[in-house]
Amino acid sequence: MSTSAVPVNLAERLAQFSELWSQKKVAVLNDYEVKLAKLKGEFVWHTHEDTDELIMVISGRLTIRLRDGEVVLEPGELFVVPRGVEHCTAAEEETAILLLEPEGTLNTGEAGGPMTKAAEILD
C-alpha cells in the first residue's frame, strides 16, 4: 500500500484482481482498513462481536441477510451491520463492495471455517 499523495482509484484496484470472496486492503484510516472484494454466491452466516461493519456496493447488487429480514444494496448504497448481529451476504451476479472495518477483522467473524481469509494488501 502506497503512502504517497496519490488518490486510490477504486475501478483500477478492482481491475487488479478476479478472486471472489477475497478481501483486498487498499487504504488504512487510523486503525481501520478500507478493503475491496468481489462476491458472487452466498457467504457463511457470521457475526463480528466487537465491531460494526460498513459495506458499500460499488457495482452489482448485494443482499445482506439478517435473522429478522434482508437489506438489499444497489451501487452507491451502504449499510452498517451492527456489532454482534448475525448476517450472511449473497450476490446473484458478481458484485464489487467496499468494506470499512478495524484492522485485522476476519471476513468470517466468529464463525471461522474454510472461507476465512485475512485481507491481502493490494498495491
C-alpha atoms as a PDB file:
ATOM      1  CA  MET A   1       0.000   0.000   0.000  1.00  0.00           C
ATOM      2  CA  SER A   2       1.392   3.332  -1.006  1.00  0.00           C
ATOM      3  CA  THR A   3       1.767   6.190   1.442  1.00  0.00           C
ATOM      4  CA  SER A   4       2.375   8.769  -1.278  1.00  0.00           C
ATOM      5  CA  ALA A   5      -0.076  11.574  -2.013  1.00  0.00           C
ATOM      6  CA  VAL A   6      -1.918   9.653  -4.733  1.00  0.00           C
ATOM      7  CA  PRO A   7      -5.670   9.009  -4.641  1.00  0.00           C
ATOM      8  CA  VAL A   8      -6.958   5.436  -4.620  1.00  0.00           C
ATOM      9  CA  ASN A   9      -8.837   4.714  -7.841  1.00  0.00           C
ATOM     10  CA  LEU A  10     -11.348   2.006  -6.915  1.00  0.00           C
ATOM     11  CA  ALA A  11     -12.032   0.939 -10.523  1.00  0.00           C
ATOM     12  CA  GLU A  12      -8.300   0.462 -11.163  1.00  0.00           C
ATOM     13  CA  ARG A  13      -7.864  -1.502  -7.950  1.00  0.00           C
ATOM     14  CA  LEU A  14     -10.848  -3.729  -8.713  1.00  0.00           C
ATOM     15  CA  ALA A  15      -9.371  -4.465 -12.156  1.00  0.00           C
ATOM     16  CA  GLN A  16      -6.236  -5.839 -10.464  1.00  0.00           C
ATOM     17  CA  PHE A  17      -7.901  -8.990  -9.130  1.00  0.00           C
ATOM     18  CA  SER A  18     -10.579 -11.501 -10.009  1.00  0.00           C
ATOM     19  CA  GLU A  19     -10.778 -13.789  -6.959  1.00  0.00           C
ATOM     20  CA  LEU A  20     -14.162 -13.958  -5.284  1.00  0.00           C
ATOM     21  CA  TRP A  21     -14.622 -13.581  -1.512  1.00  0.00           C
ATOM     22  CA  SER A  22     -11.029 -12.374  -1.094  1.00  0.00           C
ATOM     23  CA  GLN A  23     -10.684  -9.004   0.638  1.00  0.00           C
ATOM     24  CA  LYS A  24      -8.011  -6.618  -0.667  1.00  0.00           C
ATOM     25  CA  LYS A  25      -6.757  -3.814   1.577  1.00  0.00           C
ATOM     26  CA  VAL A  26      -6.406  -0.543  -0.373  1.00  0.00           C
ATOM     27  CA  ALA A  27      -6.049   2.025   2.425  1.00  0.00           C
ATOM     28  CA  VAL A  28      -5.787   2.453   6.179  1.00  0.00           C
ATOM     29  CA  LEU A  29      -7.706   5.057   8.176  1.00  0.00           C
ATOM     30  CA  ASN A  30      -6.402   5.272  11.743  1.00  0.00           C
ATOM     31  CA  ASP A  31      -6.868   1.673  12.932  1.00  0.00           C
ATOM     32  CA  TYR A  32      -9.425   0.818  10.222  1.00  0.00           C
ATOM     33  CA  GLU A  33      -8.839  -0.964   6.930  1.00  0.00           C
ATOM     34  CA  VAL A  34     -10.539   0.078   3.704  1.00  0.00           C
ATOM     35  CA  LYS A  35     -10.991  -3.124   1.710  1.00  0.00           C
ATOM     36  CA  LEU A  36     -12.400  -4.164  -1.655  1.00  0.00           C
ATOM     37  CA  ALA A  37     -13.905  -7.528  -2.509  1.00  0.00           C
ATOM     38  CA  LYS A  38     -15.736  -9.215  -5.344  1.00  0.00           C
ATOM     39  CA  LEU A  39     -18.596 -11.510  -4.411  1.00  0.00           C
ATOM     40  CA  LYS A  40     -20.846 -13.996  -6.148  1.00  0.00           C
ATOM     41  CA  GLY A  41     -22.986 -16.617  -4.479  1.00  0.00           C
ATOM     42  CA  GLU A  42     -23.622 -16.877  -0.749  1.00  0.00           C
ATOM     43  CA  PHE A  43     -21.210 -16.410   2.138  1.00  0.00           C
ATOM     44  CA  VAL A  44     -21.386 -18.008   5.596  1.00  0.00           C
ATOM     45  CA  TRP A  45     -23.585 -16.792   8.443  1.00  0.00           C
ATOM     46  CA  HIS A  46     -21.332 -14.964  10.902  1.00  0.00           C
ATOM     47  CA  THR A  47     -21.040 -12.197  13.464  1.00  0.00           C
ATOM     48  CA  HIS A  48     -18.433  -9.623  14.429  1.00  0.00           C
ATOM     49  CA  GLU A  49     -18.884  -9.443  18.189  1.00  0.00           C
ATOM     50  CA  ASP A  50     -16.623  -6.449  18.788  1.00  0.00           C
ATOM     51  CA  THR A  51     -17.215  -4.193  15.801  1.00  0.00           C
ATOM     52  CA  ASP A  52     -19.707  -2.770  13.362  1.00  0.00           C
ATOM     53  CA  GLU A  53     -19.083  -3.498   9.662  1.00  0.00           C
ATOM     54  CA  LEU A  54     -19.649  -0.947   6.888  1.00  0.00           C
ATOM     55  CA  ILE A  55     -20.488  -2.487   3.500  1.00  0.00           C
ATOM     56  CA  MET A  56     -20.889  -0.320   0.377  1.00  0.00           C
ATOM     57  CA  VAL A  57     -21.791  -1.648  -3.069  1.00  0.00           C
ATOM     58  CA  ILE A  58     -19.694  -0.304  -5.932  1.00  0.00           C
ATOM     59  CA  SER A  59     -21.221  -2.446  -8.695  1.00  0.00           C
ATOM     60  CA  GLY A  60     -23.744  -5.264  -8.838  1.00  0.00           C
ATOM     61  CA  ARG A  61     -26.354  -5.937  -6.171  1.00  0.00           C
ATOM     62  CA  LEU A  62     -25.871  -7.322  -2.670  1.00  0.00           C
ATOM     63  CA  THR A  63     -28.339  -8.899  -0.284  1.00  0.00           C
ATOM     64  CA  ILE A  64     -27.410  -8.818   3.387  1.00  0.00           C
ATOM     65  CA  ARG A  65     -29.469 -11.449   5.161  1.00  0.00           C
ATOM     66  CA  LEU A  66     -30.231 -10.836   8.812  1.00  0.00           C
ATOM     67  CA  ARG A  67     -32.121 -13.201  11.077  1.00  0.00           C
ATOM     68  CA  ASP A  68     -35.065 -10.775  11.090  1.00  0.00           C
ATOM     69  CA  GLY A  69     -35.063  -9.660   7.433  1.00  0.00           C
ATOM     70  CA  GLU A  70     -32.948  -8.610   4.481  1.00  0.00           C
ATOM     71  CA  VAL A  71     -31.238  -5.463   3.263  1.00  0.00           C
ATOM     72  CA  VAL A  72     -30.690  -5.123  -0.496  1.00  0.00           C
ATOM     73  CA  LEU A  73     -27.970  -2.745  -1.648  1.00  0.00           C
ATOM     74  CA  GLU A  74     -27.609  -1.247  -5.111  1.00  0.00           C
ATOM     75  CA  PRO A  75     -24.493   0.593  -6.397  1.00  0.00           C
ATOM     76  CA  GLY A  76     -23.726   3.652  -4.303  1.00  0.00           C
ATOM     77  CA  GLU A  77     -25.623   2.365  -1.259  1.00  0.00           C
ATOM     78  CA  LEU A  78     -24.140   1.277   2.041  1.00  0.00           C
ATOM     79  CA  PHE A  79     -25.295  -0.450   5.185  1.00  0.00           C
ATOM     80  CA  VAL A  80     -23.688  -0.773   8.590  1.00  0.00           C
ATOM     81  CA  VAL A  81     -24.122  -4.201  10.163  1.00  0.00           C
ATOM     82  CA  PRO A  82     -24.153  -3.551  13.918  1.00  0.00           C
ATOM     83  CA  ARG A  83     -21.700  -5.428  16.090  1.00  0.00           C
ATOM     84  CA  GLY A  84     -22.953  -8.799  17.237  1.00  0.00           C
ATOM     85  CA  VAL A  85     -25.668  -9.052  14.537  1.00  0.00           C
ATOM     86  CA  GLU A  86     -25.559 -12.348  12.678  1.00  0.00           C
ATOM     87  CA  HIS A  87     -25.577 -11.837   8.918  1.00  0.00           C
ATOM     88  CA  CYS A  88     -24.906 -13.539   5.605  1.00  0.00           C
ATOM     89  CA  THR A  89     -24.113 -11.772   2.336  1.00  0.00           C
ATOM     90  CA  ALA A  90     -25.295 -13.052  -1.039  1.00  0.00           C
ATOM     91  CA  ALA A  91     -24.944 -11.840  -4.623  1.00  0.00           C
ATOM     92  CA  GLU A  92     -26.654 -13.391  -7.653  1.00  0.00           C
ATOM     93  CA  GLU A  93     -24.266 -11.594 -10.021  1.00  0.00           C
ATOM     94  CA  GLU A  94     -20.651 -10.593  -9.494  1.00  0.00           C
ATOM     95  CA  THR A  95     -20.732  -7.666  -7.098  1.00  0.00           C
ATOM     96  CA  ALA A  96     -17.919  -5.349  -6.025  1.00  0.00           C
ATOM     97  CA  ILE A  97     -18.002  -3.952  -2.497  1.00  0.00           C
ATOM     98  CA  LEU A  98     -16.018  -1.650  -0.239  1.00  0.00           C
ATOM     99  CA  LEU A  99     -15.660  -2.596   3.426  1.00  0.00           C
ATOM    100  CA  LEU A 100     -14.568  -0.493   6.382  1.00  0.00           C
ATOM    101  CA  GLU A 101     -13.563  -2.488   9.448  1.00  0.00           C
ATOM    102  CA  PRO A 102     -10.968  -2.381  12.235  1.00  0.00           C
ATOM    103  CA  GLU A 103      -7.561  -3.722  11.247  1.00  0.00           C
ATOM    104  CA  GLY A 104      -7.353  -7.493  11.474  1.00  0.00           C
ATOM    105  CA  THR A 105     -11.116  -8.163  11.335  1.00  0.00           C
ATOM    106  CA  LEU A 106     -11.656 -11.612   9.843  1.00  0.00           C
ATOM    107  CA  ASN A 107     -14.106 -11.918   6.968  1.00  0.00           C
ATOM    108  CA  THR A 108     -15.960 -14.777   8.679  1.00  0.00           C
ATOM    109  CA  GLY A 109     -16.001 -13.083  12.071  1.00  0.00           C
ATOM    110  CA  GLU A 110     -16.653 -15.547  14.863  1.00  0.00           C
ATOM    111  CA  ALA A 111     -17.712 -18.377  12.510  1.00  0.00           C
ATOM    112  CA  GLY A 112     -14.285 -19.339  11.160  1.00  0.00           C
ATOM    113  CA  GLY A 113     -14.175 -22.175   8.631  1.00  0.00           C
ATOM    114  CA  PRO A 114     -12.728 -22.763   5.180  1.00  0.00           C
ATOM    115  CA  MET A 115     -13.786 -19.366   3.768  1.00  0.00           C
ATOM    116  CA  THR A 116     -11.786 -17.469   6.402  1.00  0.00           C
ATOM    117  CA  LYS A 117      -9.116 -15.296   4.793  1.00  0.00           C
ATOM    118  CA  ALA A 118      -7.068 -12.402   6.070  1.00  0.00           C
ATOM    119  CA  ALA A 119      -7.165  -9.265   3.953  1.00  0.00           C
ATOM    120  CA  GLU A 120      -4.346  -9.043   1.408  1.00  0.00           C
ATOM    121  CA  ILE A 121      -2.616  -5.761   0.622  1.00  0.00           C
ATOM    122  CA  LEU A 122      -3.323  -4.551  -2.897  1.00  0.00           C
ATOM    123  CA  ASP A 123      -0.736  -2.116  -4.249  1.00  0.00           C
END
